[in-house]
Amino acid sequence: MMGGAAAAVLVGLALLVWMLVPGYDRHQSTTDATGPRFGQDQGTSTVGRSPTPPDAAAAPPDPIAVGRNEGISATAENQVQLTPPQQEALRSFAQAHAGQQANQVAFTVAVGVAVPRQVELQDVTPELAAAFPAHAGKQYLLMPGRLVVVEPETRRVVAILPTAA
């Protein structure tokens, strides 16, 4: 009985020390799908630039939807190469739609992350689609300094485009 009580005290102390050790962030693992890209300022997905299969909106465990979701995350890159006309189109769009800007969201902004249903998204405008043809038919969320492009069928972030250069 004494040994059990001593073991419980030892485990309790070990837990207390573990929680108080500075410099270790237990809330954001770097091994999960969004860890290395937590709070991305920019990024894109190769799969996210390809057309969505017609039945990708089917509820999981549909292999097409699950595979596409995994593909969006797996092909994520942390950089976006924008031409000067694309940079200007983003800058102008952000200025013209400043009233739509969401200052905070309750999800991690990173390529491949699912956007919660309660977050209101807007359809990509014809002007944006002209500058970014791969994102025609997608939706967006405007945030400070970035435009978050979302695939409507899967509600996955497929691109984060910087609105200021």
N, C-alpha and C. Protein backbone atom coordinates (compact mmCIF):
# COMPACT_ATOMS: atom_id res chain seq x y z
N MET A 1 0.82 -1.18 0.00
CA MET A 1 0.00 0.00 0.00
C MET A 1 0.87 1.25 0.00
N MET A 2 1.95 1.21 0.81
CA MET A 2 2.86 2.34 0.89
C MET A 2 3.55 2.59 -0.46
N GLY A 3 3.88 1.49 -1.15
CA GLY A 3 4.54 1.60 -2.45
C GLY A 3 3.63 2.25 -3.49
N GLY A 4 2.34 1.93 -3.45
CA GLY A 4 1.38 2.52 -4.38
C GLY A 4 1.23 4.01 -4.16
N ALA A 5 1.18 4.42 -2.90
CA ALA A 5 1.06 5.84 -2.57
C ALA A 5 2.31 6.60 -2.99
N ALA A 6 3.46 6.00 -2.79
CA ALA A 6 4.71 6.65 -3.20
C ALA A 6 4.78 6.78 -4.72
N ALA A 7 4.33 5.76 -5.42
CA ALA A 7 4.33 5.81 -6.89
C ALA A 7 3.38 6.90 -7.38
N ALA A 8 2.22 7.04 -6.75
CA ALA A 8 1.24 8.07 -7.15
C ALA A 8 1.82 9.47 -6.93
N VAL A 9 2.50 9.67 -5.81
CA VAL A 9 3.11 10.97 -5.53
C VAL A 9 4.20 11.27 -6.54
N LEU A 10 5.00 10.26 -6.87
CA LEU A 10 6.08 10.42 -7.84
C LEU A 10 5.53 10.77 -9.22
N VAL A 11 4.49 10.09 -9.65
CA VAL A 11 3.86 10.38 -10.95
C VAL A 11 3.27 11.79 -10.94
N GLY A 12 2.63 12.17 -9.85
CA GLY A 12 2.07 13.52 -9.74
C GLY A 12 3.13 14.60 -9.84
N LEU A 13 4.24 14.40 -9.16
CA LEU A 13 5.34 15.36 -9.24
C LEU A 13 5.93 15.42 -10.64
N ALA A 14 6.08 14.26 -11.27
CA ALA A 14 6.61 14.22 -12.64
C ALA A 14 5.70 14.99 -13.59
N LEU A 15 4.40 14.83 -13.45
CA LEU A 15 3.45 15.57 -14.29
C LEU A 15 3.55 17.06 -14.06
N LEU A 16 3.66 17.45 -12.81
CA LEU A 16 3.77 18.86 -12.48
C LEU A 16 5.03 19.47 -13.08
N VAL A 17 6.14 18.80 -12.97
CA VAL A 17 7.40 19.28 -13.54
C VAL A 17 7.28 19.34 -15.07
N TRP A 18 6.68 18.32 -15.68
CA TRP A 18 6.53 18.28 -17.14
C TRP A 18 5.72 19.47 -17.64
N MET A 19 4.66 19.83 -16.91
CA MET A 19 3.81 20.94 -17.34
C MET A 19 4.50 22.29 -17.16
N LEU A 20 5.44 22.37 -16.25
CA LEU A 20 6.09 23.64 -15.97
C LEU A 20 7.39 23.85 -16.72
N VAL A 21 7.86 22.84 -17.44
CA VAL A 21 9.12 22.98 -18.17
C VAL A 21 8.92 24.00 -19.29
N PRO A 22 9.69 25.10 -19.29
CA PRO A 22 9.54 26.11 -20.33
C PRO A 22 10.15 25.66 -21.65
N GLY A 23 9.69 26.29 -22.72
CA GLY A 23 10.30 26.06 -24.03
C GLY A 23 9.74 24.88 -24.79
N TYR A 24 8.77 24.17 -24.23
CA TYR A 24 8.17 23.05 -24.94
C TYR A 24 6.70 23.33 -25.14
N ASP A 25 6.27 23.43 -26.38
CA ASP A 25 4.89 23.75 -26.70
C ASP A 25 4.12 22.46 -26.92
N ARG A 26 3.32 22.05 -25.96
CA ARG A 26 2.54 20.82 -26.08
C ARG A 26 1.26 21.05 -26.86
N HIS A 27 0.93 22.28 -27.17
CA HIS A 27 -0.34 22.57 -27.85
C HIS A 27 -0.22 22.50 -29.37
N GLN A 28 0.95 22.58 -29.93
CA GLN A 28 1.10 22.53 -31.38
C GLN A 28 2.23 21.58 -31.74
N SER A 29 1.87 20.38 -32.09
CA SER A 29 2.86 19.38 -32.47
C SER A 29 3.38 19.69 -33.87
N THR A 30 4.66 19.42 -34.08
CA THR A 30 5.21 19.63 -35.42
C THR A 30 5.09 18.38 -36.26
N THR A 31 4.48 17.33 -35.71
CA THR A 31 4.32 16.11 -36.48
C THR A 31 2.92 15.98 -37.06
N ASP A 32 1.97 16.80 -36.63
CA ASP A 32 0.64 16.71 -37.21
C ASP A 32 0.60 17.41 -38.56
N ALA A 33 -0.53 17.29 -39.25
CA ALA A 33 -0.63 17.77 -40.63
C ALA A 33 -0.46 19.28 -40.75
N THR A 34 -0.81 20.04 -39.72
CA THR A 34 -0.72 21.49 -39.83
C THR A 34 0.45 22.08 -39.06
N GLY A 35 1.15 21.29 -38.27
CA GLY A 35 2.22 21.80 -37.42
C GLY A 35 3.25 22.65 -38.13
N PRO A 36 3.91 22.13 -39.16
CA PRO A 36 4.96 22.92 -39.80
C PRO A 36 4.44 24.17 -40.50
N ARG A 37 3.12 24.22 -40.77
CA ARG A 37 2.57 25.36 -41.50
C ARG A 37 1.62 26.17 -40.62
N PHE A 38 1.70 26.04 -39.31
CA PHE A 38 0.81 26.72 -38.38
C PHE A 38 0.81 28.23 -38.65
N GLY A 39 -0.38 28.79 -38.88
CA GLY A 39 -0.50 30.23 -39.08
C GLY A 39 0.20 30.71 -40.35
N GLN A 40 0.08 29.99 -41.43
CA GLN A 40 0.75 30.35 -42.68
C GLN A 40 0.38 31.72 -43.18
N ASP A 41 1.38 32.46 -43.68
CA ASP A 41 1.12 33.74 -44.34
C ASP A 41 0.86 33.54 -45.82
N GLN A 42 1.44 32.49 -46.40
CA GLN A 42 1.22 32.18 -47.80
C GLN A 42 1.48 30.70 -48.03
N GLY A 43 0.93 30.18 -49.11
CA GLY A 43 1.13 28.79 -49.45
C GLY A 43 0.12 28.37 -50.50
N THR A 44 0.35 27.20 -51.08
CA THR A 44 -0.55 26.69 -52.10
C THR A 44 -0.45 25.18 -52.15
N SER A 45 -1.38 24.54 -52.85
CA SER A 45 -1.40 23.10 -52.99
C SER A 45 -1.53 22.76 -54.47
N THR A 46 -0.70 21.83 -54.93
CA THR A 46 -0.77 21.40 -56.32
C THR A 46 -2.13 20.76 -56.61
N VAL A 47 -2.58 19.87 -55.73
CA VAL A 47 -3.87 19.22 -55.91
C VAL A 47 -4.99 20.25 -55.87
N GLY A 48 -4.86 21.27 -55.04
CA GLY A 48 -5.88 22.30 -54.93
C GLY A 48 -6.04 23.14 -56.18
N ARG A 49 -5.02 23.14 -57.05
CA ARG A 49 -5.12 23.90 -58.30
C ARG A 49 -5.76 23.08 -59.41
N SER A 50 -5.95 21.78 -59.19
CA SER A 50 -6.58 20.93 -60.20
C SER A 50 -8.09 20.92 -59.98
N PRO A 51 -8.85 20.64 -61.05
CA PRO A 51 -10.31 20.63 -60.89
C PRO A 51 -10.75 19.56 -59.89
N THR A 52 -11.84 19.84 -59.21
CA THR A 52 -12.40 18.90 -58.26
C THR A 52 -13.21 17.85 -59.00
N PRO A 53 -13.03 16.56 -58.70
CA PRO A 53 -13.89 15.55 -59.30
C PRO A 53 -15.34 15.82 -58.94
N PRO A 54 -16.29 15.52 -59.84
CA PRO A 54 -17.69 15.85 -59.60
C PRO A 54 -18.28 15.28 -58.31
N ASP A 55 -17.85 14.10 -57.88
CA ASP A 55 -18.44 13.52 -56.68
C ASP A 55 -17.55 13.67 -55.46
N ALA A 56 -16.67 14.66 -55.45
CA ALA A 56 -15.76 14.86 -54.32
C ALA A 56 -16.49 15.37 -53.09
N ALA A 57 -17.70 15.89 -53.25
CA ALA A 57 -18.44 16.42 -52.11
C ALA A 57 -19.13 15.33 -51.31
N ALA A 58 -19.05 14.08 -51.77
CA ALA A 58 -19.68 12.98 -51.04
C ALA A 58 -19.09 12.88 -49.63
N ALA A 59 -19.90 12.48 -48.70
CA ALA A 59 -19.44 12.42 -47.31
C ALA A 59 -18.42 11.30 -47.13
N PRO A 60 -17.35 11.57 -46.38
CA PRO A 60 -16.39 10.50 -46.07
C PRO A 60 -17.13 9.34 -45.40
N PRO A 61 -16.70 8.15 -45.59
CA PRO A 61 -15.39 7.70 -46.04
C PRO A 61 -15.28 7.48 -47.55
N ASP A 62 -15.96 8.27 -48.36
CA ASP A 62 -15.80 8.17 -49.80
C ASP A 62 -14.32 8.32 -50.16
N PRO A 63 -13.73 7.35 -50.85
CA PRO A 63 -12.29 7.40 -51.14
C PRO A 63 -11.87 8.60 -51.97
N ILE A 64 -12.77 9.12 -52.81
CA ILE A 64 -12.41 10.28 -53.63
C ILE A 64 -12.22 11.51 -52.74
N ALA A 65 -13.20 11.76 -51.85
CA ALA A 65 -13.10 12.93 -50.97
C ALA A 65 -11.93 12.79 -50.00
N VAL A 66 -11.79 11.62 -49.40
CA VAL A 66 -10.70 11.41 -48.45
C VAL A 66 -9.36 11.56 -49.15
N GLY A 67 -9.23 10.94 -50.32
CA GLY A 67 -7.98 11.03 -51.08
C GLY A 67 -7.67 12.45 -51.50
N ARG A 68 -8.66 13.20 -51.90
CA ARG A 68 -8.44 14.59 -52.30
C ARG A 68 -8.01 15.43 -51.09
N ASN A 69 -8.65 15.25 -49.96
CA ASN A 69 -8.26 15.97 -48.75
C ASN A 69 -6.81 15.68 -48.40
N GLU A 70 -6.43 14.42 -48.44
CA GLU A 70 -5.04 14.06 -48.13
C GLU A 70 -4.09 14.64 -49.18
N GLY A 71 -4.52 14.63 -50.44
CA GLY A 71 -3.68 15.17 -51.51
C GLY A 71 -3.44 16.66 -51.38
N ILE A 72 -4.45 17.39 -50.94
CA ILE A 72 -4.30 18.84 -50.74
C ILE A 72 -3.23 19.10 -49.69
N SER A 73 -3.30 18.39 -48.58
CA SER A 73 -2.29 18.56 -47.52
C SER A 73 -0.92 18.09 -47.97
N ALA A 74 -0.88 16.94 -48.65
CA ALA A 74 0.41 16.34 -49.02
C ALA A 74 1.17 17.18 -50.05
N THR A 75 0.47 17.94 -50.86
CA THR A 75 1.14 18.73 -51.90
C THR A 75 1.28 20.20 -51.52
N ALA A 76 1.09 20.51 -50.24
CA ALA A 76 1.18 21.90 -49.78
C ALA A 76 2.61 22.40 -49.85
N GLU A 77 2.74 23.64 -50.28
CA GLU A 77 4.03 24.33 -50.33
C GLU A 77 3.89 25.60 -49.51
N ASN A 78 4.97 26.05 -48.92
CA ASN A 78 4.92 27.25 -48.07
C ASN A 78 5.15 28.55 -48.82
N GLN A 79 5.41 28.50 -50.09
CA GLN A 79 5.66 29.71 -50.87
C GLN A 79 4.71 29.78 -52.06
N VAL A 80 4.41 30.99 -52.48
CA VAL A 80 3.58 31.23 -53.65
C VAL A 80 4.36 32.15 -54.58
N GLN A 81 4.44 31.78 -55.83
CA GLN A 81 5.11 32.64 -56.82
C GLN A 81 4.03 33.44 -57.56
N LEU A 82 4.03 34.74 -57.36
CA LEU A 82 3.03 35.61 -57.99
C LEU A 82 3.71 36.54 -58.98
N THR A 83 3.06 36.75 -60.11
CA THR A 83 3.55 37.70 -61.10
C THR A 83 3.18 39.11 -60.62
N PRO A 84 3.85 40.14 -61.14
CA PRO A 84 3.45 41.51 -60.75
C PRO A 84 1.97 41.82 -61.01
N PRO A 85 1.38 41.39 -62.16
CA PRO A 85 -0.06 41.65 -62.33
C PRO A 85 -0.92 40.93 -61.27
N GLN A 86 -0.52 39.72 -60.86
CA GLN A 86 -1.26 39.01 -59.82
C GLN A 86 -1.13 39.73 -58.48
N GLN A 87 0.05 40.22 -58.17
CA GLN A 87 0.25 40.96 -56.93
C GLN A 87 -0.62 42.21 -56.91
N GLU A 88 -0.67 42.92 -58.03
CA GLU A 88 -1.50 44.13 -58.12
C GLU A 88 -2.98 43.78 -58.02
N ALA A 89 -3.41 42.68 -58.65
CA ALA A 89 -4.81 42.26 -58.57
C ALA A 89 -5.20 41.94 -57.12
N LEU A 90 -4.33 41.28 -56.39
CA LEU A 90 -4.60 40.97 -54.99
C LEU A 90 -4.65 42.24 -54.14
N ARG A 91 -3.70 43.12 -54.36
CA ARG A 91 -3.66 44.37 -53.60
C ARG A 91 -4.94 45.18 -53.83
N SER A 92 -5.33 45.32 -55.09
CA SER A 92 -6.55 46.08 -55.43
C SER A 92 -7.79 45.41 -54.85
N PHE A 93 -7.85 44.09 -54.95
CA PHE A 93 -9.00 43.35 -54.43
C PHE A 93 -9.12 43.54 -52.92
N ALA A 94 -8.01 43.42 -52.21
CA ALA A 94 -8.02 43.57 -50.76
C ALA A 94 -8.47 44.97 -50.35
N GLN A 95 -8.02 45.99 -51.07
CA GLN A 95 -8.43 47.36 -50.77
C GLN A 95 -9.92 47.57 -51.04
N ALA A 96 -10.40 47.03 -52.16
CA ALA A 96 -11.80 47.21 -52.54
C ALA A 96 -12.76 46.45 -51.63
N HIS A 97 -12.31 45.34 -51.04
CA HIS A 97 -13.17 44.50 -50.22
C HIS A 97 -12.75 44.51 -48.74
N ALA A 98 -12.14 45.59 -48.29
CA ALA A 98 -11.65 45.69 -46.92
C ALA A 98 -12.76 45.47 -45.89
N GLY A 99 -13.98 45.81 -46.23
CA GLY A 99 -15.10 45.62 -45.31
C GLY A 99 -15.44 44.17 -45.06
N GLN A 100 -15.02 43.26 -45.93
CA GLN A 100 -15.28 41.83 -45.77
C GLN A 100 -14.22 41.14 -44.92
N GLN A 101 -13.18 41.85 -44.55
CA GLN A 101 -12.03 41.24 -43.89
C GLN A 101 -12.39 40.66 -42.52
N ALA A 102 -11.97 39.44 -42.28
CA ALA A 102 -12.12 38.79 -40.97
C ALA A 102 -10.80 38.93 -40.24
N ASN A 103 -10.80 39.61 -39.11
CA ASN A 103 -9.56 39.83 -38.38
C ASN A 103 -9.08 38.59 -37.64
N GLN A 104 -10.01 37.75 -37.18
CA GLN A 104 -9.66 36.52 -36.48
C GLN A 104 -10.59 35.41 -36.93
N VAL A 105 -10.06 34.19 -36.92
CA VAL A 105 -10.88 33.01 -37.20
C VAL A 105 -10.57 31.96 -36.15
N ALA A 106 -11.49 31.04 -35.95
CA ALA A 106 -11.34 30.02 -34.92
C ALA A 106 -10.82 28.71 -35.50
N PHE A 107 -9.86 28.79 -36.41
CA PHE A 107 -9.22 27.60 -36.95
C PHE A 107 -7.82 27.98 -37.39
N THR A 108 -6.98 26.98 -37.54
CA THR A 108 -5.61 27.20 -37.99
C THR A 108 -5.63 27.51 -39.47
N VAL A 109 -5.04 28.62 -39.87
CA VAL A 109 -4.99 28.98 -41.28
C VAL A 109 -3.73 28.35 -41.87
N ALA A 110 -3.94 27.28 -42.63
CA ALA A 110 -2.85 26.56 -43.28
C ALA A 110 -3.42 25.78 -44.45
N VAL A 111 -2.63 25.59 -45.48
CA VAL A 111 -3.07 24.82 -46.65
C VAL A 111 -3.41 23.40 -46.19
N GLY A 112 -4.59 22.93 -46.61
CA GLY A 112 -5.04 21.58 -46.28
C GLY A 112 -5.99 21.51 -45.12
N VAL A 113 -6.11 22.59 -44.34
CA VAL A 113 -6.97 22.60 -43.17
C VAL A 113 -8.43 22.75 -43.60
N ALA A 114 -9.33 22.05 -42.91
CA ALA A 114 -10.76 22.17 -43.16
C ALA A 114 -11.27 23.44 -42.50
N VAL A 115 -12.08 24.18 -43.23
CA VAL A 115 -12.68 25.41 -42.72
C VAL A 115 -14.03 25.05 -42.10
N PRO A 116 -14.28 25.41 -40.85
CA PRO A 116 -15.55 25.08 -40.20
C PRO A 116 -16.74 25.65 -40.97
N ARG A 117 -17.87 24.96 -40.90
CA ARG A 117 -19.09 25.36 -41.61
C ARG A 117 -19.60 26.73 -41.17
N GLN A 118 -19.34 27.12 -39.93
CA GLN A 118 -19.85 28.41 -39.46
C GLN A 118 -19.07 29.60 -40.02
N VAL A 119 -17.94 29.36 -40.66
CA VAL A 119 -17.17 30.44 -41.27
C VAL A 119 -17.79 30.77 -42.62
N GLU A 120 -18.18 32.02 -42.80
CA GLU A 120 -18.82 32.45 -44.05
C GLU A 120 -17.75 32.70 -45.11
N LEU A 121 -17.94 32.06 -46.27
CA LEU A 121 -17.02 32.21 -47.39
C LEU A 121 -17.73 32.92 -48.54
N GLN A 122 -16.96 33.59 -49.37
CA GLN A 122 -17.48 34.29 -50.55
C GLN A 122 -16.99 33.57 -51.80
N ASP A 123 -17.76 33.65 -52.87
CA ASP A 123 -17.32 33.08 -54.15
C ASP A 123 -16.23 33.95 -54.76
N VAL A 124 -15.25 33.30 -55.37
CA VAL A 124 -14.18 34.03 -56.06
C VAL A 124 -14.82 34.85 -57.18
N THR A 125 -14.49 36.13 -57.22
CA THR A 125 -15.08 37.05 -58.20
C THR A 125 -14.48 36.81 -59.59
N PRO A 126 -15.17 37.26 -60.64
CA PRO A 126 -14.61 37.12 -61.99
C PRO A 126 -13.26 37.82 -62.14
N GLU A 127 -13.06 38.94 -61.44
CA GLU A 127 -11.77 39.66 -61.52
C GLU A 127 -10.64 38.80 -60.93
N LEU A 128 -10.91 38.19 -59.79
CA LEU A 128 -9.90 37.32 -59.19
C LEU A 128 -9.67 36.07 -60.04
N ALA A 129 -10.74 35.52 -60.58
CA ALA A 129 -10.62 34.33 -61.43
C ALA A 129 -9.80 34.63 -62.68
N ALA A 130 -9.89 35.86 -63.20
CA ALA A 130 -9.09 36.24 -64.37
C ALA A 130 -7.61 36.28 -64.02
N ALA A 131 -7.28 36.75 -62.82
CA ALA A 131 -5.88 36.82 -62.39
C ALA A 131 -5.37 35.46 -61.91
N PHE A 132 -6.28 34.62 -61.39
CA PHE A 132 -5.92 33.30 -60.85
C PHE A 132 -6.88 32.24 -61.41
N PRO A 133 -6.70 31.86 -62.68
CA PRO A 133 -7.63 30.92 -63.31
C PRO A 133 -7.76 29.58 -62.57
N ALA A 134 -6.71 29.13 -61.90
CA ALA A 134 -6.76 27.86 -61.17
C ALA A 134 -7.73 27.93 -59.99
N HIS A 135 -8.09 29.14 -59.57
CA HIS A 135 -8.97 29.29 -58.41
C HIS A 135 -10.39 29.72 -58.81
N ALA A 136 -10.70 29.70 -60.09
CA ALA A 136 -12.07 29.98 -60.53
C ALA A 136 -12.97 28.90 -59.96
N GLY A 137 -14.14 29.29 -59.49
CA GLY A 137 -15.08 28.33 -58.91
C GLY A 137 -14.81 28.02 -57.45
N LYS A 138 -13.79 28.62 -56.89
CA LYS A 138 -13.46 28.40 -55.48
C LYS A 138 -14.11 29.50 -54.63
N GLN A 139 -13.90 29.45 -53.35
CA GLN A 139 -14.40 30.47 -52.44
C GLN A 139 -13.21 31.07 -51.69
N TYR A 140 -13.46 32.16 -50.98
CA TYR A 140 -12.35 32.81 -50.28
C TYR A 140 -12.81 33.39 -48.96
N LEU A 141 -11.79 33.68 -48.14
CA LEU A 141 -11.94 34.40 -46.89
C LEU A 141 -10.83 35.43 -46.89
N LEU A 142 -11.17 36.69 -46.76
CA LEU A 142 -10.18 37.77 -46.73
C LEU A 142 -9.77 38.03 -45.29
N MET A 143 -8.46 37.99 -45.05
CA MET A 143 -7.89 38.23 -43.73
C MET A 143 -6.82 39.30 -43.85
N PRO A 144 -6.36 39.87 -42.74
CA PRO A 144 -5.31 40.88 -42.83
C PRO A 144 -4.05 40.33 -43.51
N GLY A 145 -3.70 40.91 -44.65
CA GLY A 145 -2.48 40.54 -45.35
C GLY A 145 -2.55 39.29 -46.19
N ARG A 146 -3.71 38.63 -46.25
CA ARG A 146 -3.80 37.40 -47.05
C ARG A 146 -5.23 37.07 -47.46
N LEU A 147 -5.29 36.39 -48.59
CA LEU A 147 -6.55 35.90 -49.12
C LEU A 147 -6.50 34.38 -49.01
N VAL A 148 -7.43 33.80 -48.28
CA VAL A 148 -7.46 32.36 -48.06
C VAL A 148 -8.44 31.77 -49.07
N VAL A 149 -7.93 30.93 -49.98
CA VAL A 149 -8.76 30.31 -51.02
C VAL A 149 -9.17 28.92 -50.55
N VAL A 150 -10.48 28.64 -50.66
CA VAL A 150 -11.06 27.40 -50.14
C VAL A 150 -11.80 26.67 -51.25
N GLU A 151 -11.61 25.36 -51.30
CA GLU A 151 -12.35 24.52 -52.24
C GLU A 151 -13.74 24.30 -51.65
N PRO A 152 -14.81 24.71 -52.34
CA PRO A 152 -16.14 24.64 -51.73
C PRO A 152 -16.63 23.22 -51.45
N GLU A 153 -16.26 22.27 -52.27
CA GLU A 153 -16.75 20.90 -52.10
C GLU A 153 -16.19 20.24 -50.84
N THR A 154 -14.93 20.45 -50.57
CA THR A 154 -14.29 19.81 -49.42
C THR A 154 -14.08 20.78 -48.25
N ARG A 155 -14.26 22.08 -48.51
CA ARG A 155 -14.01 23.16 -47.52
C ARG A 155 -12.58 23.10 -46.99
N ARG A 156 -11.65 22.73 -47.84
CA ARG A 156 -10.23 22.70 -47.48
C ARG A 156 -9.55 23.93 -48.05
N VAL A 157 -8.61 24.50 -47.27
CA VAL A 157 -7.80 25.63 -47.74
C VAL A 157 -6.86 25.09 -48.82
N VAL A 158 -6.93 25.69 -50.02
CA VAL A 158 -6.06 25.24 -51.11
C VAL A 158 -4.98 26.26 -51.44
N ALA A 159 -5.13 27.49 -50.96
CA ALA A 159 -4.09 28.50 -51.20
C ALA A 159 -4.25 29.63 -50.20
N ILE A 160 -3.11 30.23 -49.86
CA ILE A 160 -3.09 31.43 -49.03
C ILE A 160 -2.23 32.41 -49.80
N LEU A 161 -2.89 33.45 -50.31
CA LEU A 161 -2.20 34.42 -51.19
C LEU A 161 -1.97 35.72 -50.45
N PRO A 162 -0.72 36.20 -50.41
CA PRO A 162 -0.43 37.47 -49.73
C PRO A 162 -1.04 38.64 -50.49
N THR A 163 -1.74 39.53 -49.77
CA THR A 163 -2.39 40.66 -50.43
C THR A 163 -1.53 41.91 -50.45
N ALA A 164 -0.39 41.88 -49.76
CA ALA A 164 0.52 43.01 -49.77
C ALA A 164 1.92 42.51 -50.10
N ALA A 165 2.61 43.23 -50.96
CA ALA A 165 3.97 42.78 -51.32
C ALA A 165 5.02 43.59 -50.62
